[in-house]
Protein backbone atom coordinates (compact mmCIF):
# COMPACT_ATOMS: atom_id res chain seq x y z
CA MET A 1 -20.71 28.72 12.49
CA ALA A 2 -20.51 25.36 10.73
CA HIS A 3 -16.95 24.12 10.24
CA LYS A 4 -15.92 22.22 7.13
CA THR A 5 -13.16 19.71 6.55
CA LEU A 6 -10.00 21.37 5.24
CA PRO A 7 -9.40 21.06 1.46
CA GLY A 8 -7.67 17.82 0.54
CA PHE A 9 -8.37 16.15 3.88
CA ARG A 10 -10.90 13.42 4.66
CA GLU A 11 -13.02 12.27 7.53
CA PHE A 12 -13.78 8.58 7.96
CA TYR A 13 -17.26 7.77 9.18
CA PRO A 14 -17.55 4.19 10.53
CA ALA A 15 -18.40 2.62 7.14
CA ASP A 16 -15.51 4.46 5.46
CA CYS A 17 -13.18 3.58 8.31
CA SER A 18 -14.14 -0.09 7.96
CA ARG A 19 -13.25 -0.04 4.27
CA ARG A 20 -9.95 1.68 5.01
CA ASN A 21 -9.12 -0.84 7.74
CA PHE A 22 -10.01 -3.70 5.38
CA LEU A 23 -7.55 -2.27 2.85
CA PHE A 24 -4.82 -2.07 5.47
CA ALA A 25 -5.55 -5.57 6.78
CA GLN A 26 -5.10 -7.03 3.30
CA PHE A 27 -1.82 -5.16 2.86
CA ARG A 28 -0.58 -6.51 6.18
CA ARG A 29 -1.63 -10.06 5.32
CA VAL A 30 0.30 -10.04 2.04
CA ALA A 31 3.41 -8.36 3.49
CA ARG A 32 3.56 -10.85 6.35
CA ALA A 33 3.10 -13.75 3.92
CA PHE A 34 6.35 -12.54 2.33
CA CYS A 35 7.94 -12.39 5.82
CA PHE A 36 8.18 -8.60 6.06
CA GLU A 37 8.15 -6.82 9.43
CA GLU A 38 6.10 -3.72 10.16
CA TYR A 39 7.69 -0.47 11.36
CA ASP A 40 6.62 3.13 11.82
CA GLY A 41 8.18 6.55 12.25
CA PRO A 42 7.26 10.08 13.29
CA ILE A 43 4.77 12.11 11.27
CA LEU A 44 6.90 15.23 11.85
CA GLU A 45 10.42 15.20 10.40
CA PRO A 46 13.28 17.74 10.13
CA LEU A 47 12.85 19.77 6.97
CA ASP A 48 16.47 19.27 5.94
CA LEU A 49 16.02 15.46 5.85
CA LEU A 50 13.31 15.85 3.20
CA VAL A 51 15.28 18.47 1.26
CA GLU A 52 18.39 16.24 1.23
CA LYS A 53 16.34 13.43 -0.28
CA SER A 54 14.26 15.33 -2.86
CA GLY A 55 15.93 18.71 -3.35
CA PRO A 56 14.87 22.24 -2.34
CA GLU A 57 11.90 22.24 -4.76
CA ILE A 58 10.12 19.80 -2.42
CA VAL A 59 9.53 22.61 0.11
CA GLY A 60 6.73 24.06 -2.00
CA GLN A 61 4.87 20.75 -1.69
CA LEU A 62 5.14 20.43 2.09
CA PHE A 63 3.25 21.39 5.20
CA ASN A 64 6.34 22.94 6.79
CA PHE A 65 6.85 25.41 9.63
CA ASP A 66 9.16 26.34 12.50
CA ASP A 67 8.20 24.55 15.71
CA LYS A 68 8.23 26.19 19.14
CA GLY A 69 11.88 25.23 19.53
CA GLY A 70 12.78 27.12 16.35
CA ARG A 71 13.40 23.94 14.35
CA ALA A 72 12.42 23.80 10.67
CA VAL A 73 10.08 20.80 10.41
CA ALA A 74 7.50 19.33 8.02
CA LEU A 75 4.73 16.76 8.03
CA ARG A 76 6.18 13.76 6.21
CA PRO A 77 5.25 13.63 2.48
CA GLU A 78 6.54 10.06 2.13
CA MET A 79 8.15 7.33 4.22
CA THR A 80 11.41 6.66 2.37
CA PRO A 81 13.58 9.36 4.06
CA THR A 82 12.41 8.15 7.48
CA LEU A 83 13.17 4.56 6.52
CA ALA A 84 16.63 5.47 5.24
CA ARG A 85 17.38 7.31 8.49
CA LEU A 86 16.14 4.45 10.69
CA VAL A 87 18.04 1.75 8.80
CA GLY A 88 21.18 3.89 8.44
CA ALA A 89 21.29 4.46 12.21
CA LYS A 90 21.22 0.74 13.10
CA ILE A 91 22.32 -1.11 9.98
CA ASN A 92 25.19 -2.88 11.75
CA SER A 93 22.79 -4.49 14.25
CA LEU A 94 20.10 -5.38 11.70
CA LYS A 95 19.96 -8.76 10.02
CA ARG A 96 20.28 -8.34 6.26
CA PRO A 97 18.38 -8.14 4.10
CA VAL A 98 16.15 -5.75 6.02
CA LYS A 99 12.56 -6.51 4.95
CA TRP A 100 10.23 -3.87 6.34
CA PHE A 101 6.80 -2.45 5.54
CA SER A 102 4.69 0.38 6.91
CA ILE A 103 1.19 1.80 6.53
CA GLY A 104 0.97 5.45 7.47
CA GLU A 105 -0.51 8.85 6.76
CA GLN A 106 1.47 11.26 4.57
CA PHE A 107 0.89 14.93 3.72
CA ARG A 108 1.57 17.06 0.65
CA TYR A 109 0.51 20.66 0.15
CA GLU A 110 -0.75 20.33 -3.41
CA ARG A 111 -3.89 21.31 -5.25
CA PRO A 112 -6.46 18.62 -4.43
CA GLN A 113 -7.71 16.74 -7.48
CA LYS A 114 -9.10 13.33 -8.37
CA GLY A 115 -6.76 10.66 -7.10
CA ARG A 116 -4.55 13.12 -5.21
CA LEU A 117 -5.31 14.68 -1.83
CA ARG A 118 -3.29 16.62 0.71
CA SER A 119 -3.65 13.85 3.29
CA PHE A 120 -3.37 10.23 2.19
CA TYR A 121 -2.19 6.85 3.36
CA GLN A 122 0.64 4.85 1.84
CA TYR A 123 1.61 1.22 2.09
CA ASN A 124 5.41 1.15 1.81
CA VAL A 125 7.44 -2.03 1.30
CA ASP A 126 11.24 -2.04 1.11
CA VAL A 127 14.22 -4.38 1.14
CA LEU A 128 17.61 -2.99 2.14
CA GLY A 129 21.01 -4.68 2.13
CA ASP A 130 20.75 -6.83 -1.02
CA SER A 131 21.54 -5.70 -4.58
CA SER A 132 20.53 -8.90 -6.38
CA VAL A 133 17.92 -9.02 -9.14
CA ALA A 134 16.07 -11.62 -7.05
CA VAL A 135 15.13 -8.85 -4.61
CA ASP A 136 13.67 -6.70 -7.40
CA ALA A 137 11.63 -9.72 -8.53
CA GLU A 138 10.43 -10.38 -4.98
CA LEU A 139 9.27 -6.78 -4.52
CA ILE A 140 7.47 -6.69 -7.89
CA THR A 141 5.77 -10.00 -7.06
CA LEU A 142 4.71 -8.64 -3.69
CA LEU A 143 3.36 -5.52 -5.38
CA VAL A 144 1.26 -7.61 -7.76
CA GLN A 145 -0.13 -9.74 -4.94
CA SER A 146 -0.85 -6.65 -2.82
CA ILE A 147 -3.26 -5.41 -5.50
CA ALA A 148 -4.50 -8.78 -6.81
CA VAL A 149 -5.52 -9.81 -3.27
CA PHE A 150 -8.64 -7.66 -3.68
CA GLY A 151 -9.87 -9.79 -6.57
CA LEU A 152 -8.21 -7.89 -9.44
CA ASN A 153 -6.39 -9.74 -12.24
CA HIS A 154 -4.04 -8.98 -15.14
CA LEU A 155 -6.95 -7.58 -17.15
CA ASP A 156 -7.53 -4.98 -14.42
CA PHE A 157 -4.00 -3.68 -13.84
CA LYS A 158 -0.44 -3.95 -15.12
CA VAL A 159 2.98 -3.28 -13.67
CA ARG A 160 4.94 -1.22 -16.17
CA LEU A 161 8.63 -2.06 -15.89
CA SER A 162 11.53 0.15 -16.92
CA ASP A 163 15.19 0.66 -16.01
CA ARG A 164 17.17 3.76 -15.11
CA ASN A 165 20.38 1.87 -15.90
CA LEU A 166 19.26 1.19 -19.47
CA TRP A 167 18.37 4.86 -19.91
CA LEU A 168 21.85 5.88 -18.78
CA LEU A 169 23.43 3.27 -21.06
CA LEU A 170 21.32 4.59 -23.94
CA MET A 171 22.43 8.16 -23.35
CA GLU A 172 26.04 7.04 -23.15
CA ALA A 173 25.57 5.23 -26.48
CA LEU A 174 24.09 8.47 -27.88
CA GLU A 175 27.19 10.30 -26.57
CA VAL A 176 25.39 12.48 -24.04
CA ASP A 177 27.81 13.94 -21.47
CA ALA A 178 27.46 12.49 -17.96
CA GLU A 179 26.54 15.83 -16.36
CA HIS A 180 23.60 16.20 -18.76
CA GLN A 181 22.12 12.75 -18.29
CA LEU A 182 20.00 13.36 -15.16
CA PRO A 183 18.59 16.70 -16.42
CA ILE A 184 17.64 14.97 -19.67
CA LEU A 185 16.03 12.09 -17.76
CA SER A 186 13.90 14.66 -15.92
CA ILE A 187 12.75 16.08 -19.28
CA VAL A 188 12.07 12.59 -20.67
CA ASP A 189 10.01 11.75 -17.58
CA LYS A 190 7.59 14.54 -18.52
CA LEU A 191 7.45 13.63 -22.22
CA ALA A 192 3.92 12.22 -22.04
CA ARG A 193 2.65 15.40 -20.35
CA ASN A 194 4.35 17.89 -22.67
CA ASP A 195 3.92 18.37 -26.40
CA ARG A 196 6.85 17.53 -28.65
CA ALA A 197 7.73 21.13 -29.44
CA LYS A 198 8.05 21.97 -25.74
CA THR A 199 10.28 18.94 -25.19
CA LEU A 200 12.55 20.05 -28.04
CA ASP A 201 12.73 23.53 -26.53
CA GLN A 202 13.86 21.99 -23.24
CA LEU A 203 16.44 19.72 -24.91
CA ALA A 204 17.90 22.37 -27.24
CA PRO A 205 19.94 24.26 -24.60
CA ILE A 206 21.58 20.98 -23.61
CA LEU A 207 21.96 19.18 -26.95
CA GLY A 208 21.94 22.00 -29.47
CA ALA A 209 21.43 20.97 -33.11
CA SER A 210 21.32 17.27 -32.20
CA ALA A 211 18.16 17.66 -30.09
CA GLU A 212 15.86 16.49 -32.91
CA SER A 213 17.81 13.33 -33.74
CA PHE A 214 18.21 12.59 -30.03
CA LEU A 215 14.46 12.89 -29.50
CA GLN A 216 13.78 10.56 -32.43
CA ASN A 217 16.04 7.94 -30.84
CA ILE A 218 14.26 8.43 -27.51
CA GLU A 219 10.84 8.04 -29.10
CA ARG A 220 11.90 4.77 -30.77
CA PHE A 221 13.39 3.54 -27.51
CA MET A 222 10.18 4.23 -25.62
CA GLN A 223 8.20 2.04 -28.03
CA ILE A 224 10.26 -1.07 -27.25
CA ASP A 225 8.33 -3.80 -25.41
CA SER A 226 10.68 -6.81 -25.40
CA ILE A 227 14.25 -7.69 -24.48
CA ASP A 228 14.98 -8.85 -28.04
CA LEU A 229 14.01 -5.43 -29.37
CA LEU A 230 16.14 -3.79 -26.69
CA GLU A 231 19.11 -5.85 -27.82
CA HIS A 232 18.48 -4.89 -31.46
CA CYS A 233 18.20 -1.20 -30.53
CA PHE A 234 21.59 -1.13 -28.82
CA GLN A 235 23.23 -3.13 -31.62
CA ARG A 236 22.02 -0.51 -34.11
CA LEU A 237 23.80 2.20 -32.08
CA ARG A 238 27.13 0.32 -32.39
CA PRO A 239 28.50 0.94 -28.86
CA ASN A 240 32.22 0.50 -28.15
CA ALA A 241 33.45 -2.76 -26.62
CA ASP A 242 33.33 -1.61 -22.99
CA LEU A 243 29.88 -0.10 -23.30
CA GLY A 244 28.65 -3.10 -25.31
CA ALA A 245 29.78 -5.46 -22.52
CA ARG A 246 27.88 -3.42 -19.90
CA ILE A 247 24.78 -3.38 -22.08
CA THR A 248 24.98 -7.17 -22.55
CA GLN A 249 25.33 -7.68 -18.80
CA ARG A 250 22.33 -5.48 -18.08
CA LEU A 251 20.17 -7.27 -20.63
CA GLU A 252 21.10 -10.57 -18.97
CA GLU A 253 19.87 -9.12 -15.69
CA TRP A 254 16.63 -8.23 -17.46
CA ARG A 255 16.29 -11.83 -18.65
CA SER A 256 16.94 -13.08 -15.12
CA LEU A 257 14.29 -10.74 -13.74
CA GLN A 258 11.75 -11.92 -16.32
CA SER A 259 12.49 -15.57 -15.51
CA LEU A 260 12.00 -14.97 -11.79
CA LEU A 261 8.72 -13.12 -12.36
CA ALA A 262 7.50 -15.94 -14.61
CA ALA A 263 8.42 -18.52 -11.94
CA ALA A 264 6.45 -16.48 -9.39
CA GLY A 265 3.39 -16.64 -11.64
CA VAL A 266 3.05 -12.89 -12.24
CA ALA A 267 4.40 -12.59 -15.80
CA ASP A 268 0.93 -11.74 -17.16
CA PHE A 269 0.89 -8.63 -14.98
CA ILE A 270 4.23 -7.29 -16.28
CA GLN A 271 4.58 -4.97 -19.23
CA ILE A 272 7.88 -3.52 -20.44
CA ASP A 273 7.33 0.22 -20.71
CA LEU A 274 10.48 2.30 -21.02
CA SER A 275 8.47 5.52 -20.85
CA ILE A 276 8.46 4.95 -17.09
CA VAL A 277 11.51 6.92 -16.00
CA ARG A 278 10.64 7.94 -12.41
CA GLY A 279 12.08 11.44 -12.40
CA LEU A 280 13.35 11.28 -8.83
CA ALA A 281 17.12 11.46 -9.06
CA TYR A 282 17.79 8.81 -6.42
CA TYR A 283 16.53 5.84 -8.48
CA THR A 284 19.42 3.70 -9.67
CA GLY A 285 18.08 0.59 -11.44
CA PHE A 286 14.81 -1.12 -12.26
CA VAL A 287 11.79 1.16 -11.80
CA PHE A 288 8.13 0.23 -12.04
CA GLU A 289 4.63 1.63 -11.72
CA ALA A 290 1.29 -0.14 -11.41
CA PHE A 291 -1.54 1.29 -13.52
CA GLU A 292 -5.12 0.40 -14.15
CA TYR A 293 -4.96 -1.59 -17.40
CA SER A 294 -7.18 0.84 -19.27
CA GLY A 295 -4.59 3.51 -18.58
CA GLN A 296 -7.17 5.77 -16.96
CA GLY A 297 -6.36 7.74 -13.83
CA ARG A 298 -3.15 8.01 -11.86
CA ALA A 299 -0.68 5.29 -11.09
CA LEU A 300 -1.75 2.87 -8.36
CA ALA A 301 1.80 2.36 -7.13
CA GLY A 302 5.38 3.22 -7.92
CA GLY A 303 8.83 2.17 -6.89
CA GLY A 304 12.25 0.95 -7.87
CA ARG A 305 15.83 0.52 -6.77
CA TYR A 306 17.52 3.37 -4.87
CA ASP A 307 20.95 2.07 -3.91
CA ARG A 308 22.52 5.42 -2.96
CA LEU A 309 19.87 7.04 -0.79
CA VAL A 310 20.89 5.77 2.66
CA GLN A 311 24.46 6.96 2.05
CA GLN A 312 23.18 10.26 0.62
CA LEU A 313 21.33 10.89 3.90
CA GLY A 314 24.46 10.31 5.99
CA GLY A 315 24.30 6.56 6.52
CA PRO A 316 26.45 3.71 5.17
CA ASP A 317 26.39 2.39 1.62
CA VAL A 318 23.28 0.16 1.62
CA PRO A 319 21.51 -1.08 -1.54
CA ALA A 320 17.73 -0.74 -1.43
CA VAL A 321 14.57 -1.30 -3.44
CA GLY A 322 10.97 -0.56 -2.55
CA PHE A 323 7.54 0.64 -3.60
CA ALA A 324 4.54 2.54 -2.25
CA ILE A 325 0.81 2.11 -2.89
CA GLY A 326 -1.45 5.08 -2.20
CA ASP A 327 -4.88 4.43 -0.72
CA VAL A 328 -6.75 7.09 -2.72
CA THR A 329 -6.30 5.80 -6.28
CA LEU A 330 -6.48 2.14 -5.27
CA MET A 331 -9.71 2.70 -3.37
CA ASP A 332 -11.15 4.51 -6.40
CA LEU A 333 -10.30 1.49 -8.57
CA LEU A 334 -11.69 -1.04 -6.08
CA ASN A 335 -14.93 0.92 -5.84
CA SER A 336 -15.24 1.11 -9.63
CA LYS A 337 -14.70 -2.68 -9.90
CA ASP A 338 -17.05 -3.43 -6.98
CA CYS A 339 -14.23 -5.28 -5.22
CA LEU A 340 -14.92 -4.10 -1.68
CA PRO A 341 -17.08 -6.40 0.47
CA GLU A 342 -20.03 -5.19 2.50
CA LEU A 343 -18.40 -4.68 5.86
CA GLN A 344 -20.79 -4.95 8.80
CA HIS A 345 -19.68 -5.40 12.38
CA GLN A 346 -22.34 -7.76 13.67
CA PRO A 347 -22.57 -8.95 17.28
CA ASP A 348 -21.75 -12.56 17.99
CA PHE A 349 -24.36 -12.47 20.76
CA MET A 350 -27.26 -10.20 21.69
CA ALA A 351 -28.28 -10.37 25.34
CA ILE A 352 -32.07 -10.18 25.78
CA PHE A 353 -33.59 -9.87 29.25
CA ASP A 354 -36.81 -9.18 31.15
CA GLY A 355 -36.62 -7.17 34.37
CA ASP A 356 -33.84 -5.71 36.52
CA ALA A 357 -32.54 -9.00 37.95
CA ALA A 358 -32.31 -10.49 34.46
CA ARG A 359 -30.60 -7.36 33.24
CA MET A 360 -27.86 -7.66 35.89
CA ALA A 361 -27.28 -11.33 35.02
CA ALA A 362 -27.13 -10.48 31.31
CA ILE A 363 -24.61 -7.66 31.87
CA ALA A 364 -22.39 -9.94 33.98
CA ASP A 365 -22.40 -12.70 31.34
CA ALA A 366 -22.01 -10.22 28.48
CA ASN A 367 -18.84 -8.77 29.96
CA ARG A 368 -17.35 -12.21 30.69
CA ALA A 369 -18.02 -13.12 27.03
CA ARG A 370 -16.46 -9.86 25.88
CA ALA A 371 -13.35 -10.72 27.87
CA GLN A 372 -13.22 -13.96 25.84
CA GLY A 373 -13.12 -11.88 22.68
CA TYR A 374 -16.76 -12.15 21.59
CA ALA A 375 -18.79 -9.16 20.40
CA VAL A 376 -21.80 -8.87 22.71
CA ASP A 377 -24.46 -6.17 22.68
CA TYR A 378 -27.67 -5.45 24.54
CA ALA A 379 -30.27 -2.69 24.84
CA LEU A 380 -29.04 0.12 27.07
CA LYS A 381 -32.54 1.38 27.85
CA PRO A 382 -35.57 -0.72 28.89
CA LEU A 383 -37.27 -2.41 25.95
CA SER A 384 -39.88 -5.12 25.69
CA PHE A 385 -38.82 -8.66 24.78
CA SER A 386 -40.23 -8.25 21.28
CA LYS A 387 -38.36 -4.99 20.68
CA GLN A 388 -35.11 -6.53 21.91
CA PHE A 389 -35.53 -9.40 19.45
CA LYS A 390 -36.21 -6.86 16.71
CA LEU A 391 -33.05 -4.97 17.71
CA ALA A 392 -31.04 -8.22 17.53
CA SER A 393 -32.34 -8.77 14.00
CA GLN A 394 -31.48 -5.21 12.97
CA LYS A 395 -27.93 -5.60 14.25
CA GLY A 396 -27.53 -8.99 12.54
CA ALA A 397 -26.60 -10.86 15.72
CA ARG A 398 -25.73 -14.54 15.23
CA PHE A 399 -27.02 -15.76 18.60
CA GLY A 400 -29.23 -14.54 21.44
CA LEU A 401 -28.51 -14.91 25.17
CA ILE A 402 -32.00 -14.93 26.69
CA TYR A 403 -32.72 -14.25 30.36
CA GLY A 404 -36.30 -14.62 31.66
CA CYS A 405 -37.83 -15.65 34.95
CA GLU A 406 -37.44 -19.38 34.24
CA GLU A 407 -33.75 -18.98 33.31
CA LEU A 408 -32.98 -16.88 36.41
CA THR A 409 -34.62 -19.47 38.68
CA GLN A 410 -32.30 -22.17 37.25
CA ASN A 411 -29.23 -19.88 37.12
CA ALA A 412 -29.22 -20.63 33.40
CA VAL A 413 -29.30 -18.84 30.06
CA LYS A 414 -31.17 -19.83 26.93
CA ILE A 415 -29.15 -19.49 23.72
CA ARG A 416 -30.99 -19.03 20.44
CA ASP A 417 -29.40 -19.54 17.02
CA PHE A 418 -31.03 -16.79 14.96
CA SER A 419 -30.17 -18.51 11.68
CA THR A 420 -32.11 -21.70 12.53
CA GLY A 421 -34.37 -20.70 15.42
CA ALA A 422 -32.95 -23.55 17.54
CA GLU A 423 -32.75 -22.93 21.30
CA GLN A 424 -30.99 -24.68 24.19
CA LEU A 425 -30.67 -24.01 27.92
CA PHE A 426 -27.20 -23.90 29.53
CA ALA A 427 -25.92 -23.41 33.07
CA ARG A 428 -24.41 -19.94 33.49
CA ASP A 429 -21.50 -21.40 35.48
CA HIS A 430 -20.23 -23.16 32.33
CA LEU A 431 -21.07 -20.42 29.85
CA ALA A 432 -17.44 -19.70 28.94
CA GLU A 433 -16.91 -23.21 27.53
CA VAL A 434 -20.38 -23.29 25.98
CA LEU A 435 -19.80 -20.11 23.95
CA VAL A 436 -16.71 -21.61 22.33
CA ASP A 437 -18.69 -24.66 21.17
CA VAL A 438 -21.65 -22.58 20.02
CA VAL A 439 -19.56 -20.19 17.91
CA GLN A 440 -17.41 -22.93 16.41
CA ALA A 441 -20.00 -25.64 15.73
CA GLY A 442 -23.39 -23.95 15.84
CA LEU A 443 -26.13 -24.56 18.34
CA SER A 444 -27.46 -27.82 16.90
CA SER A 445 -24.16 -29.64 17.56
CA THR A 446 -23.87 -28.69 21.22
CA GLY A 447 -25.32 -30.30 24.30
CA HIS A 448 -26.39 -29.17 27.78
């Protein structure tokens, strides 16, 4: 019976694995350029850790079960709860701010669809221990560079920027009771996916007769795309002195964030979009999502500030901000834009030999070269000289290590540069030094 891959899971043949590894290598390069350190955690986590972070409704989206010890566990659906646990356990011994990133596999039991699978990889970047706007700007800049590094520009994707704090200030200005604010934010977060009548039906039990006027204010608010218009919107609502002062302070923080992003050279990638609410209840400040500029498909990335999560999960009070990029949607975009290079693992050297004695000499030299870090290949079964040269061409080898009767007699090896056809003879005893020169400078610049 032929077995198939489980729904929502993927296999990675060598070419696919090379593309995936290229993606991860670029993520690592950018994160390390920003001086972030890599960490990892277990794939299997206690179920209650995930429920504490996201609520009991998360269980329906998990691969969860009781292990052989009777513990309720789940395959991790995201990295943030693990990160919060790790940092909370050792925060007093960690140098702040904590700047960590990870690249790992996550699992969600959802209906597979375009851009969303049951198994996927995420690149997570977080800063913990600093509540300043400068940290938000740094993370957003890093997010932009983590996508732009593949050759995409501001015409290919945008980072849509919003603010949970402004939403809460707006609802306070609209005189919404504090206990109703988070449920309303959850409804607003789904506004684009629901028709207006359904949204009103959801708001009516909370707001009663004022649901329609409230929704009109929300719709106007979501159209705002500048700080000046934000300021005008709040002035129109005539907040009291205390609320007005808090609104003014928050708008100044917005201006500071915009200035920092402009200084970092990423202002063209940023778009104010207050429809981005991020329904997860733990977000506490600026929130953002990266989208393909055409607006097609799912978000490429999402994140924001979550200052209360570490404490919520039993740790100390630690401010935090972070984001995650999923590999599925980003890879789809990179493929559509033809931004992935042709990745071929070509040998540095192909050993070519004639006869058993030459074969033994070639194997000995090949393995010494491999120990130096060079990729060296050779035919594992007997082939003629001509077929070995053909094999070297098929594999795209840069150089040939040639062993014939003349070379064996002199305890030497002939090196051929396949790009130029140039050949030179070298003593095998000094091959280690010779290979360095050949790879770095090419065959024509080296001597005997």
